[in-house]
C-alpha atoms as a PDB file:
ATOM      1  CA  UNK A   1     -29.482  44.396  32.572  1.00  0.00           C
ATOM      2  CA  UNK A   2     -28.040  46.510  29.778  1.00  0.00           C
ATOM      3  CA  UNK A   3     -25.213  44.934  27.764  1.00  0.00           C
ATOM      4  CA  UNK A   4     -22.642  47.199  26.204  1.00  0.00           C
ATOM      5  CA  UNK A   5     -21.099  46.248  22.881  1.00  0.00           C
ATOM      6  CA  UNK A   6     -17.710  45.869  24.545  1.00  0.00           C
ATOM      7  CA  UNK A   7     -19.171  43.439  27.111  1.00  0.00           C
ATOM      8  CA  UNK A   8     -20.809  41.322  24.393  1.00  0.00           C
ATOM      9  CA  UNK A   9     -17.578  41.231  22.387  1.00  0.00           C
ATOM     10  CA  UNK A  10     -15.613  40.248  25.487  1.00  0.00           C
ATOM     11  CA  UNK A  11     -18.013  37.380  26.272  1.00  0.00           C
ATOM     12  CA  UNK A  12     -17.943  36.091  22.685  1.00  0.00           C
ATOM     13  CA  UNK A  13     -14.152  36.097  22.677  1.00  0.00           C
ATOM     14  CA  UNK A  14     -14.162  34.241  25.963  1.00  0.00           C
ATOM     15  CA  UNK A  15     -16.467  31.526  24.619  1.00  0.00           C
ATOM     16  CA  UNK A  16     -14.333  31.175  21.481  1.00  0.00           C
ATOM     17  CA  UNK A  17     -11.256  30.751  23.671  1.00  0.00           C
ATOM     18  CA  UNK A  18     -12.874  27.999  25.736  1.00  0.00           C
ATOM     19  CA  UNK A  19     -13.948  26.094  22.612  1.00  0.00           C
ATOM     20  CA  UNK A  20     -10.499  26.418  21.044  1.00  0.00           C
ATOM     21  CA  UNK A  21      -8.824  25.142  24.209  1.00  0.00           C
ATOM     22  CA  UNK A  22     -11.197  22.187  24.421  1.00  0.00           C
ATOM     23  CA  UNK A  23     -10.533  21.187  20.805  1.00  0.00           C
ATOM     24  CA  UNK A  24      -6.804  21.574  21.207  1.00  0.00           C
ATOM     25  CA  UNK A  25      -6.624  19.340  24.267  1.00  0.00           C
ATOM     26  CA  UNK A  26      -9.127  16.704  23.154  1.00  0.00           C
ATOM     27  CA  UNK A  27      -7.530  13.294  22.395  1.00  0.00           C
ATOM     28  CA  UNK A  28      -7.183  12.618  18.674  1.00  0.00           C
ATOM     29  CA  UNK A  29      -7.755   9.205  17.073  1.00  0.00           C
ATOM     30  CA  UNK A  30      -5.962  10.141  13.877  1.00  0.00           C
ATOM     31  CA  UNK A  31      -2.778   8.133  13.472  1.00  0.00           C
ATOM     32  CA  UNK A  32      -3.079   6.699  16.981  1.00  0.00           C
ATOM     33  CA  UNK A  33      -4.084   3.207  15.937  1.00  0.00           C
ATOM     34  CA  UNK A  34      -7.355   3.607  17.844  1.00  0.00           C
ATOM     35  CA  UNK A  35     -10.751   3.070  16.300  1.00  0.00           C
ATOM     36  CA  UNK A  36     -14.244   4.027  17.395  1.00  0.00           C
ATOM     37  CA  UNK A  37     -15.601   0.628  16.367  1.00  0.00           C
ATOM     38  CA  UNK A  38     -16.119  -1.727  19.297  1.00  0.00           C
ATOM     39  CA  UNK A  39     -13.638  -4.580  19.584  1.00  0.00           C
ATOM     40  CA  UNK A  40     -15.162  -8.055  19.513  1.00  0.00           C
ATOM     41  CA  UNK A  41     -15.354  -9.756  22.897  1.00  0.00           C
ATOM     42  CA  UNK A  42     -14.216 -13.402  23.284  1.00  0.00           C
ATOM     43  CA  UNK A  43     -17.767 -14.525  24.072  1.00  0.00           C
ATOM     44  CA  UNK A  44     -18.897 -13.092  20.715  1.00  0.00           C
ATOM     45  CA  UNK A  45     -16.453 -15.037  18.519  1.00  0.00           C
ATOM     46  CA  UNK A  46     -18.281 -16.744  15.661  1.00  0.00           C
ATOM     47  CA  UNK A  47     -15.658 -16.658  12.900  1.00  0.00           C
ATOM     48  CA  UNK A  48     -11.910 -17.278  13.157  1.00  0.00           C
ATOM     49  CA  UNK A  49      -9.301 -16.539  10.496  1.00  0.00           C
ATOM     50  CA  UNK A  50      -5.977 -18.397  10.649  1.00  0.00           C
ATOM     51  CA  UNK A  51      -3.158 -17.238   8.371  1.00  0.00           C
ATOM     52  CA  UNK A  52       0.065 -19.196   8.699  1.00  0.00           C
ATOM     53  CA  UNK A  53       2.421 -21.671   7.105  1.00  0.00           C
ATOM     54  CA  UNK A  54       2.833 -25.452   7.185  1.00  0.00           C
ATOM     55  CA  UNK A  55       2.343 -25.514  10.974  1.00  0.00           C
ATOM     56  CA  UNK A  56      -1.097 -24.048  10.327  1.00  0.00           C
ATOM     57  CA  UNK A  57      -1.989 -26.095   7.249  1.00  0.00           C
ATOM     58  CA  UNK A  58      -0.111 -28.065   4.621  1.00  0.00           C
ATOM     59  CA  UNK A  59      -1.745 -29.920   1.706  1.00  0.00           C
ATOM     60  CA  UNK A  60      -0.636 -33.457   0.825  1.00  0.00           C
ATOM     61  CA  UNK A  61       2.919 -33.773  -0.509  1.00  0.00           C
ATOM     62  CA  UNK A  62       3.752 -37.429  -1.056  1.00  0.00           C
ATOM     63  CA  UNK A  63       7.402 -36.779  -1.991  1.00  0.00           C
ATOM     64  CA  UNK A  64       8.115 -35.828   1.633  1.00  0.00           C
ATOM     65  CA  UNK A  65       5.756 -38.487   2.987  1.00  0.00           C
ATOM     66  CA  UNK A  66       3.077 -36.017   4.045  1.00  0.00           C
ATOM     67  CA  UNK A  67      -0.368 -37.205   2.945  1.00  0.00           C
ATOM     68  CA  UNK A  68      -2.757 -35.065   4.964  1.00  0.00           C
ATOM     69  CA  UNK A  69      -4.244 -31.556   4.769  1.00  0.00           C
ATOM     70  CA  UNK A  70      -3.941 -29.966   8.169  1.00  0.00           C
ATOM     71  CA  UNK A  71      -1.200 -28.612  10.410  1.00  0.00           C
ATOM     72  CA  UNK A  72       2.008 -30.547   9.772  1.00  0.00           C
ATOM     73  CA  UNK A  73       2.782 -32.937  11.580  1.00  0.00           C
ATOM     74  CA  UNK A  74      -0.246 -33.521  13.802  1.00  0.00           C
ATOM     75  CA  UNK A  75      -1.609 -37.060  13.718  1.00  0.00           C
ATOM     76  CA  UNK A  76      -5.122 -35.848  12.831  1.00  0.00           C
ATOM     77  CA  UNK A  77      -6.905 -32.605  12.003  1.00  0.00           C
ATOM     78  CA  UNK A  78      -8.484 -32.315  15.441  1.00  0.00           C
ATOM     79  CA  UNK A  79      -5.018 -32.378  17.023  1.00  0.00           C
ATOM     80  CA  UNK A  80      -3.441 -29.484  15.166  1.00  0.00           C
ATOM     81  CA  UNK A  81      -3.422 -26.110  16.928  1.00  0.00           C
ATOM     82  CA  UNK A  82      -6.008 -24.595  14.574  1.00  0.00           C
ATOM     83  CA  UNK A  83      -8.695 -27.126  15.370  1.00  0.00           C
ATOM     84  CA  UNK A  84      -7.792 -27.268  19.067  1.00  0.00           C
ATOM     85  CA  UNK A  85      -8.262 -23.491  19.338  1.00  0.00           C
ATOM     86  CA  UNK A  86     -11.503 -23.584  17.327  1.00  0.00           C
ATOM     87  CA  UNK A  87     -12.894 -26.437  19.433  1.00  0.00           C
ATOM     88  CA  UNK A  88     -12.144 -24.641  22.699  1.00  0.00           C
ATOM     89  CA  UNK A  89     -13.629 -21.367  21.448  1.00  0.00           C
ATOM     90  CA  UNK A  90     -16.754 -23.282  20.436  1.00  0.00           C
ATOM     91  CA  UNK A  91     -16.944 -24.888  23.850  1.00  0.00           C
ATOM     92  CA  UNK A  92     -16.712 -21.493  25.518  1.00  0.00           C
ATOM     93  CA  UNK A  93     -19.249 -19.731  23.290  1.00  0.00           C
ATOM     94  CA  UNK A  94     -21.649 -22.646  22.942  1.00  0.00           C
ATOM     95  CA  UNK A  95     -21.378 -22.781  19.158  1.00  0.00           C
ATOM     96  CA  UNK A  96     -18.593 -24.119  16.885  1.00  0.00           C
ATOM     97  CA  UNK A  97     -17.031 -21.160  15.065  1.00  0.00           C
ATOM     98  CA  UNK A  98     -16.738 -20.930  11.306  1.00  0.00           C
ATOM     99  CA  UNK A  99     -13.054 -21.018  10.389  1.00  0.00           C
ATOM    100  CA  UNK A 100     -10.972 -20.001   7.391  1.00  0.00           C
ATOM    101  CA  UNK A 101      -7.466 -21.481   7.294  1.00  0.00           C
ATOM    102  CA  UNK A 102      -4.952 -20.230   4.748  1.00  0.00           C
ATOM    103  CA  UNK A 103      -1.293 -21.089   4.163  1.00  0.00           C
ATOM    104  CA  UNK A 104       0.640 -17.919   3.269  1.00  0.00           C
ATOM    105  CA  UNK A 105       4.155 -19.316   3.160  1.00  0.00           C
ATOM    106  CA  UNK A 106       4.530 -17.482  -0.164  1.00  0.00           C
ATOM    107  CA  UNK A 107       4.138 -14.227   1.783  1.00  0.00           C
ATOM    108  CA  UNK A 108       6.940 -15.254   4.138  1.00  0.00           C
ATOM    109  CA  UNK A 109       9.318 -16.056   1.305  1.00  0.00           C
ATOM    110  CA  UNK A 110       8.440 -13.031  -0.820  1.00  0.00           C
ATOM    111  CA  UNK A 111       7.003 -10.382   1.488  1.00  0.00           C
ATOM    112  CA  UNK A 112       8.711  -7.532  -0.371  1.00  0.00           C
ATOM    113  CA  UNK A 113       6.651  -8.083  -3.527  1.00  0.00           C
ATOM    114  CA  UNK A 114       3.576  -9.757  -2.057  1.00  0.00           C
ATOM    115  CA  UNK A 115       0.312  -8.078  -3.066  1.00  0.00           C
ATOM    116  CA  UNK A 116      -1.450  -8.247   0.285  1.00  0.00           C
ATOM    117  CA  UNK A 117      -4.736  -6.673  -0.811  1.00  0.00           C
ATOM    118  CA  UNK A 118      -5.146  -8.862  -3.904  1.00  0.00           C
ATOM    119  CA  UNK A 119      -3.938 -12.198  -2.538  1.00  0.00           C
ATOM    120  CA  UNK A 120      -5.695 -11.936   0.808  1.00  0.00           C
ATOM    121  CA  UNK A 121      -8.903 -10.371  -0.471  1.00  0.00           C
ATOM    122  CA  UNK A 122     -10.962 -13.437   0.451  1.00  0.00           C
ATOM    123  CA  UNK A 123      -9.410 -13.586   3.910  1.00  0.00           C
ATOM    124  CA  UNK A 124     -10.200  -9.943   4.620  1.00  0.00           C
ATOM    125  CA  UNK A 125     -13.744 -10.350   3.270  1.00  0.00           C
ATOM    126  CA  UNK A 126     -14.282 -13.227   5.727  1.00  0.00           C
ATOM    127  CA  UNK A 127     -14.802 -10.588   8.444  1.00  0.00           C
ATOM    128  CA  UNK A 128     -13.386 -12.680  11.265  1.00  0.00           C
ATOM    129  CA  UNK A 129     -14.118 -12.022  14.927  1.00  0.00           C
ATOM    130  CA  UNK A 130     -10.749 -13.522  15.875  1.00  0.00           C
ATOM    131  CA  UNK A 131      -7.645 -13.378  13.698  1.00  0.00           C
ATOM    132  CA  UNK A 132      -4.577 -15.520  14.407  1.00  0.00           C
ATOM    133  CA  UNK A 133      -1.444 -14.723  12.407  1.00  0.00           C
ATOM    134  CA  UNK A 134       1.147 -17.495  12.739  1.00  0.00           C
ATOM    135  CA  UNK A 135       4.111 -16.815  10.475  1.00  0.00           C
ATOM    136  CA  UNK A 136       7.846 -16.211  10.546  1.00  0.00           C
ATOM    137  CA  UNK A 137       9.447 -19.641  10.243  1.00  0.00           C
ATOM    138  CA  UNK A 138       9.934 -19.405   6.462  1.00  0.00           C
ATOM    139  CA  UNK A 139      11.082 -15.785   6.396  1.00  0.00           C
ATOM    140  CA  UNK A 140      14.722 -15.605   5.199  1.00  0.00           C
ATOM    141  CA  UNK A 141      17.195 -14.250   7.722  1.00  0.00           C
ATOM    142  CA  UNK A 142      17.367 -10.463   7.454  1.00  0.00           C
ATOM    143  CA  UNK A 143      20.581  -9.344   5.776  1.00  0.00           C
ATOM    144  CA  UNK A 144      19.980  -5.655   6.459  1.00  0.00           C
ATOM    145  CA  UNK A 145      17.793  -3.439   8.615  1.00  0.00           C
ATOM    146  CA  UNK A 146      15.962  -2.504   5.431  1.00  0.00           C
ATOM    147  CA  UNK A 147      14.916  -6.142   4.976  1.00  0.00           C
ATOM    148  CA  UNK A 148      13.572  -6.207   8.517  1.00  0.00           C
ATOM    149  CA  UNK A 149      11.752  -2.916   7.952  1.00  0.00           C
ATOM    150  CA  UNK A 150      10.102  -4.259   4.818  1.00  0.00           C
ATOM    151  CA  UNK A 151       8.970  -7.402   6.618  1.00  0.00           C
ATOM    152  CA  UNK A 152       7.502  -5.392   9.480  1.00  0.00           C
ATOM    153  CA  UNK A 153       5.704  -3.076   7.055  1.00  0.00           C
ATOM    154  CA  UNK A 154       4.290  -6.039   5.129  1.00  0.00           C
ATOM    155  CA  UNK A 155       3.001  -7.638   8.326  1.00  0.00           C
ATOM    156  CA  UNK A 156       1.415  -4.292   9.214  1.00  0.00           C
ATOM    157  CA  UNK A 157      -0.462  -4.382   5.896  1.00  0.00           C
ATOM    158  CA  UNK A 158      -1.973  -7.736   6.794  1.00  0.00           C
ATOM    159  CA  UNK A 159      -3.056  -6.511  10.220  1.00  0.00           C
ATOM    160  CA  UNK A 160      -4.572  -3.383   8.670  1.00  0.00           C
ATOM    161  CA  UNK A 161      -6.394  -5.493   6.100  1.00  0.00           C
ATOM    162  CA  UNK A 162      -8.268  -7.568   8.669  1.00  0.00           C
ATOM    163  CA  UNK A 163      -9.266  -4.376  10.469  1.00  0.00           C
ATOM    164  CA  UNK A 164     -10.581  -2.610   7.371  1.00  0.00           C
ATOM    165  CA  UNK A 165     -14.203  -3.507   8.071  1.00  0.00           C
ATOM    166  CA  UNK A 166     -14.301  -4.207  11.798  1.00  0.00           C
ATOM    167  CA  UNK A 167     -12.274  -4.606  14.980  1.00  0.00           C
ATOM    168  CA  UNK A 168     -11.524  -8.312  15.465  1.00  0.00           C
ATOM    169  CA  UNK A 169      -9.382  -9.671  18.246  1.00  0.00           C
ATOM    170  CA  UNK A 170      -5.902 -10.024  16.736  1.00  0.00           C
ATOM    171  CA  UNK A 171      -3.315 -12.471  18.056  1.00  0.00           C
ATOM    172  CA  UNK A 172       0.118 -12.704  16.451  1.00  0.00           C
ATOM    173  CA  UNK A 173       2.058 -15.856  17.236  1.00  0.00           C
ATOM    174  CA  UNK A 174       5.866 -15.736  17.285  1.00  0.00           C
ATOM    175  CA  UNK A 175       8.160 -18.309  15.695  1.00  0.00           C
ATOM    176  CA  UNK A 176       8.128 -21.930  16.826  1.00  0.00           C
ATOM    177  CA  UNK A 177      11.671 -22.357  15.524  1.00  0.00           C
ATOM    178  CA  UNK A 178      13.322 -19.564  17.505  1.00  0.00           C
ATOM    179  CA  UNK A 179      14.330 -16.353  15.724  1.00  0.00           C
ATOM    180  CA  UNK A 180      14.837 -13.258  17.845  1.00  0.00           C
ATOM    181  CA  UNK A 181      15.115 -10.975  14.795  1.00  0.00           C
ATOM    182  CA  UNK A 182      11.865 -12.116  13.212  1.00  0.00           C
ATOM    183  CA  UNK A 183      10.008 -12.197  16.518  1.00  0.00           C
ATOM    184  CA  UNK A 184      11.163  -8.643  17.243  1.00  0.00           C
ATOM    185  CA  UNK A 185       9.585  -7.368  14.039  1.00  0.00           C
ATOM    186  CA  UNK A 186       6.409  -9.371  14.508  1.00  0.00           C
ATOM    187  CA  UNK A 187       6.153  -7.919  17.999  1.00  0.00           C
ATOM    188  CA  UNK A 188       6.655  -4.335  16.774  1.00  0.00           C
ATOM    189  CA  UNK A 189       4.009  -4.695  14.073  1.00  0.00           C
ATOM    190  CA  UNK A 190       1.628  -6.216  16.629  1.00  0.00           C
ATOM    191  CA  UNK A 191       2.089  -3.457  19.163  1.00  0.00           C
ATOM    192  CA  UNK A 192       1.623  -0.761  16.524  1.00  0.00           C
ATOM    193  CA  UNK A 193      -1.684  -2.343  15.491  1.00  0.00           C
ATOM    194  CA  UNK A 194      -2.939  -2.892  19.021  1.00  0.00           C
ATOM    195  CA  UNK A 195      -2.647  -6.672  18.614  1.00  0.00           C
ATOM    196  CA  UNK A 196      -1.355  -9.148  21.186  1.00  0.00           C
ATOM    197  CA  UNK A 197       1.972 -10.855  20.467  1.00  0.00           C
ATOM    198  CA  UNK A 198       2.515 -14.434  21.684  1.00  0.00           C
ATOM    199  CA  UNK A 199       6.072 -15.569  22.384  1.00  0.00           C
ATOM    200  CA  UNK A 200       6.447 -19.342  21.814  1.00  0.00           C
ATOM    201  CA  UNK A 201      10.185 -19.766  21.129  1.00  0.00           C
ATOM    202  CA  UNK A 202      10.529 -21.739  24.375  1.00  0.00           C
ATOM    203  CA  UNK A 203       8.194 -24.358  22.919  1.00  0.00           C
ATOM    204  CA  UNK A 204      10.430 -24.822  19.892  1.00  0.00           C
ATOM    205  CA  UNK A 205      13.483 -25.229  22.110  1.00  0.00           C
ATOM    206  CA  UNK A 206      11.858 -28.154  23.915  1.00  0.00           C
ATOM    207  CA  UNK A 207      12.635 -31.353  21.946  1.00  0.00           C
ATOM    208  CA  UNK A 208       9.527 -33.047  23.322  1.00  0.00           C
ATOM    209  CA  UNK A 209       7.348 -30.657  21.312  1.00  0.00           C
ATOM    210  CA  UNK A 210       8.787 -31.811  17.967  1.00  0.00           C
ATOM    211  CA  UNK A 211       6.931 -34.528  16.070  1.00  0.00           C
ATOM    212  CA  UNK A 212      10.075 -36.698  15.899  1.00  0.00           C
ATOM    213  CA  UNK A 213       9.779 -37.223  19.646  1.00  0.00           C
ATOM    214  CA  UNK A 214       6.433 -38.971  19.129  1.00  0.00           C
ATOM    215  CA  UNK A 215       6.989 -41.076  16.017  1.00  0.00           C
ATOM    216  CA  UNK A 216       9.418 -41.592  13.161  1.00  0.00           C
ATOM    217  CA  UNK A 217       9.327 -39.728   9.849  1.00  0.00           C
ATOM    218  CA  UNK A 218      11.061 -40.275   6.535  1.00  0.00           C
ATOM    219  CA  UNK A 219      11.592 -36.530   6.046  1.00  0.00           C
ATOM    220  CA  UNK A 220      13.505 -34.496   8.622  1.00  0.00           C
ATOM    221  CA  UNK A 221      11.612 -31.316   7.732  1.00  0.00           C
ATOM    222  CA  UNK A 222       8.291 -32.910   8.648  1.00  0.00           C
ATOM    223  CA  UNK A 223       9.818 -34.427  11.790  1.00  0.00           C
ATOM    224  CA  UNK A 224      10.907 -30.981  13.011  1.00  0.00           C
ATOM    225  CA  UNK A 225       7.344 -29.662  13.008  1.00  0.00           C
ATOM    226  CA  UNK A 226       5.363 -29.640  16.248  1.00  0.00           C
ATOM    227  CA  UNK A 227       3.790 -32.999  17.008  1.00  0.00           C
ATOM    228  CA  UNK A 228       0.546 -33.479  18.892  1.00  0.00           C
ATOM    229  CA  UNK A 229       2.205 -32.308  22.116  1.00  0.00           C
ATOM    230  CA  UNK A 230       3.698 -29.256  20.436  1.00  0.00           C
ATOM    231  CA  UNK A 231       0.414 -28.400  18.715  1.00  0.00           C
ATOM    232  CA  UNK A 232      -1.412 -28.605  22.034  1.00  0.00           C
ATOM    233  CA  UNK A 233       1.173 -26.298  23.624  1.00  0.00           C
ATOM    234  CA  UNK A 234       0.764 -23.746  20.813  1.00  0.00           C
ATOM    235  CA  UNK A 235      -3.025 -23.869  21.148  1.00  0.00           C
ATOM    236  CA  UNK A 236      -2.774 -23.344  24.903  1.00  0.00           C
ATOM    237  CA  UNK A 237      -0.521 -20.312  24.394  1.00  0.00           C
ATOM    238  CA  UNK A 238      -3.024 -18.803  21.955  1.00  0.00           C
ATOM    239  CA  UNK A 239      -5.977 -19.465  24.249  1.00  0.00           C
ATOM    240  CA  UNK A 240      -4.088 -17.973  27.194  1.00  0.00           C
ATOM    241  CA  UNK A 241      -3.523 -14.808  25.153  1.00  0.00           C
ATOM    242  CA  UNK A 242      -7.209 -14.779  24.225  1.00  0.00           C
ATOM    243  CA  UNK A 243      -8.090 -14.940  27.925  1.00  0.00           C
ATOM    244  CA  UNK A 244      -6.069 -11.769  28.466  1.00  0.00           C
ATOM    245  CA  UNK A 245      -8.296  -9.832  26.051  1.00  0.00           C
ATOM    246  CA  UNK A 246     -11.383 -10.145  28.239  1.00  0.00           C
END
């Protein structure tokens, strides 16, 4: 077969057109929140990072009659939600996970100026397989939409930080003491990052989940924290969300 120059040119232009169309219609990962790194599966969890406030971990503070160093106000470490979740994950995987538990109440109270990269460097370097963010209760009520925007953006920085090296499972727990405004922003940041948001405000509205329903306390602030029943309910909500990531 003899090819004329015009035929060759026409075929080349046709091929170029097909390639251009393919590239133009191909899905882009840029700015979509997607990542080509494989997400960890629940059965592969070996390390868990918990970032939260006093419900997650609170060091001893004798002036308010709190003398322990775990989730306030559980009766023992193994009954706070952190250790309940870790124990169940270990049971499921066959090996107790390594955990890193960090109180970031200072982030809640000062999120506008909080240096996420510097102050959470060790947490990000932990390279967790599962990340549980449990904040919101200490965040001041938003006075303006700009305050809410700044909080959401700061939460997004934390979620981006844990994903800098890998793709862990990310679960974001809503407020135990109900706050629709704060939960709304936690939810938005979660959805933008591809994380799962866990609504638990109903648990906080149930008086039986407060520690004061189980025993007496000298300090009302401690008494208002989840007791053993409340901690168990929080852990169950987190584990139920984890089940949905399978």
